[in-house]
Amino acid sequence: MQGALRFGVQVARQKRDQVTRTIERFLVRHPVRPVDPVLGICAYPVAQTPFVLLYDDTELRIHLIIHASADRTAIDLAGVVW
């Protein structure tokens, strides 16, 4: 599990579960969110985590989960494979 070595298994699980809950309980019902001006897709910060979900609101397709402080200009969505 990513982050487990640095932050501990419990913290990594809590953050993973918070991301999953956000998708299942909120974004599924309310997919339309502000569009990131750099990437041109929706960006939604996950409460109580340092993460942002980058997704397409047409089919609620999560492209990436990134750290909120990540340099979004360096992200190339063309490399995302489905």
Protein backbone atom coordinates (compact mmCIF):
# COMPACT_ATOMS: atom_id res chain seq x y z
CA MET A 1 0.00 0.00 0.00
CA GLN A 2 1.44 3.30 -1.09
CA GLY A 3 2.44 5.55 1.81
CA ALA A 4 2.39 2.75 4.37
CA LEU A 5 6.15 2.74 4.94
CA ARG A 6 6.32 6.49 5.42
CA PHE A 7 3.07 7.16 7.30
CA GLY A 8 2.07 3.77 8.66
CA VAL A 9 -0.47 1.24 7.48
CA GLN A 10 -3.34 2.73 9.49
CA VAL A 11 -2.91 6.24 8.09
CA ALA A 12 -2.49 4.94 4.52
CA ARG A 13 -5.69 2.89 4.87
CA GLN A 14 -7.61 5.84 6.32
CA LYS A 15 -6.62 8.09 3.42
CA ARG A 16 -7.37 5.39 0.84
CA ASP A 17 -10.77 4.77 2.41
CA GLN A 18 -11.52 8.52 2.47
CA VAL A 19 -10.74 8.75 -1.24
CA THR A 20 -12.99 5.75 -1.96
CA ARG A 21 -15.84 7.16 0.15
CA THR A 22 -15.59 10.51 -1.61
CA ILE A 23 -15.96 8.83 -4.98
CA GLU A 24 -18.74 6.44 -3.97
CA ARG A 25 -20.81 8.71 -1.73
CA PHE A 26 -20.32 12.14 -3.26
CA LEU A 27 -18.94 12.27 -6.79
CA VAL A 28 -21.24 9.52 -8.04
CA ARG A 29 -24.19 11.73 -7.05
CA HIS A 30 -22.62 15.12 -7.87
CA PRO A 31 -20.02 14.59 -10.60
CA VAL A 32 -19.92 18.11 -12.02
CA ARG A 33 -17.21 20.11 -10.27
CA PRO A 34 -14.97 23.00 -11.27
CA VAL A 35 -12.66 22.32 -14.19
CA ASP A 36 -8.94 22.63 -13.53
CA PRO A 37 -7.73 25.50 -15.74
CA VAL A 38 -4.40 23.79 -16.47
CA LEU A 39 -5.69 20.29 -17.32
CA GLY A 40 -9.19 20.98 -18.62
CA ILE A 41 -10.83 18.23 -16.53
CA CYS A 42 -12.62 18.26 -13.19
CA ALA A 43 -10.54 18.48 -10.04
CA TYR A 44 -11.96 17.70 -6.62
CA PRO A 45 -9.99 17.90 -3.35
CA VAL A 46 -10.65 14.99 -0.99
CA ALA A 47 -11.46 16.25 2.53
CA GLN A 48 -9.08 15.20 5.32
CA THR A 49 -6.42 14.12 2.81
CA PRO A 50 -3.73 15.84 0.76
CA PHE A 51 -5.23 14.41 -2.45
CA VAL A 52 -7.10 15.77 -5.45
CA LEU A 53 -9.14 13.61 -7.82
CA LEU A 54 -8.76 14.47 -11.50
CA TYR A 55 -11.67 13.10 -13.49
CA ASP A 56 -13.96 13.31 -16.48
CA ASP A 57 -17.48 14.14 -15.32
CA THR A 58 -19.15 12.61 -18.40
CA GLU A 59 -18.64 9.04 -17.18
CA LEU A 60 -17.06 9.82 -13.80
CA ARG A 61 -13.80 8.36 -14.99
CA ILE A 62 -11.02 9.02 -12.47
CA HIS A 63 -7.85 9.79 -14.45
CA LEU A 64 -5.47 10.43 -11.58
CA ILE A 65 -5.27 10.92 -7.84
CA ILE A 66 -2.57 13.49 -7.16
CA HIS A 67 -1.14 15.34 -4.20
CA ALA A 68 -2.70 18.78 -3.87
CA SER A 69 0.72 20.42 -4.09
CA ALA A 70 1.72 18.56 -7.27
CA ASP A 71 2.78 20.62 -10.27
CA ARG A 72 -0.21 20.18 -12.56
CA THR A 73 1.63 21.69 -15.51
CA ALA A 74 3.82 18.56 -15.57
CA ILE A 75 0.85 16.17 -15.88
CA ASP A 76 0.25 14.66 -19.32
CA LEU A 77 -3.18 13.07 -19.48
CA ALA A 78 -2.41 11.63 -22.91
CA GLY A 79 -0.40 8.97 -21.08
CA VAL A 80 -3.40 7.73 -19.09
CA VAL A 81 -4.38 4.30 -20.40
CA TRP A 82 -7.87 2.80 -20.04
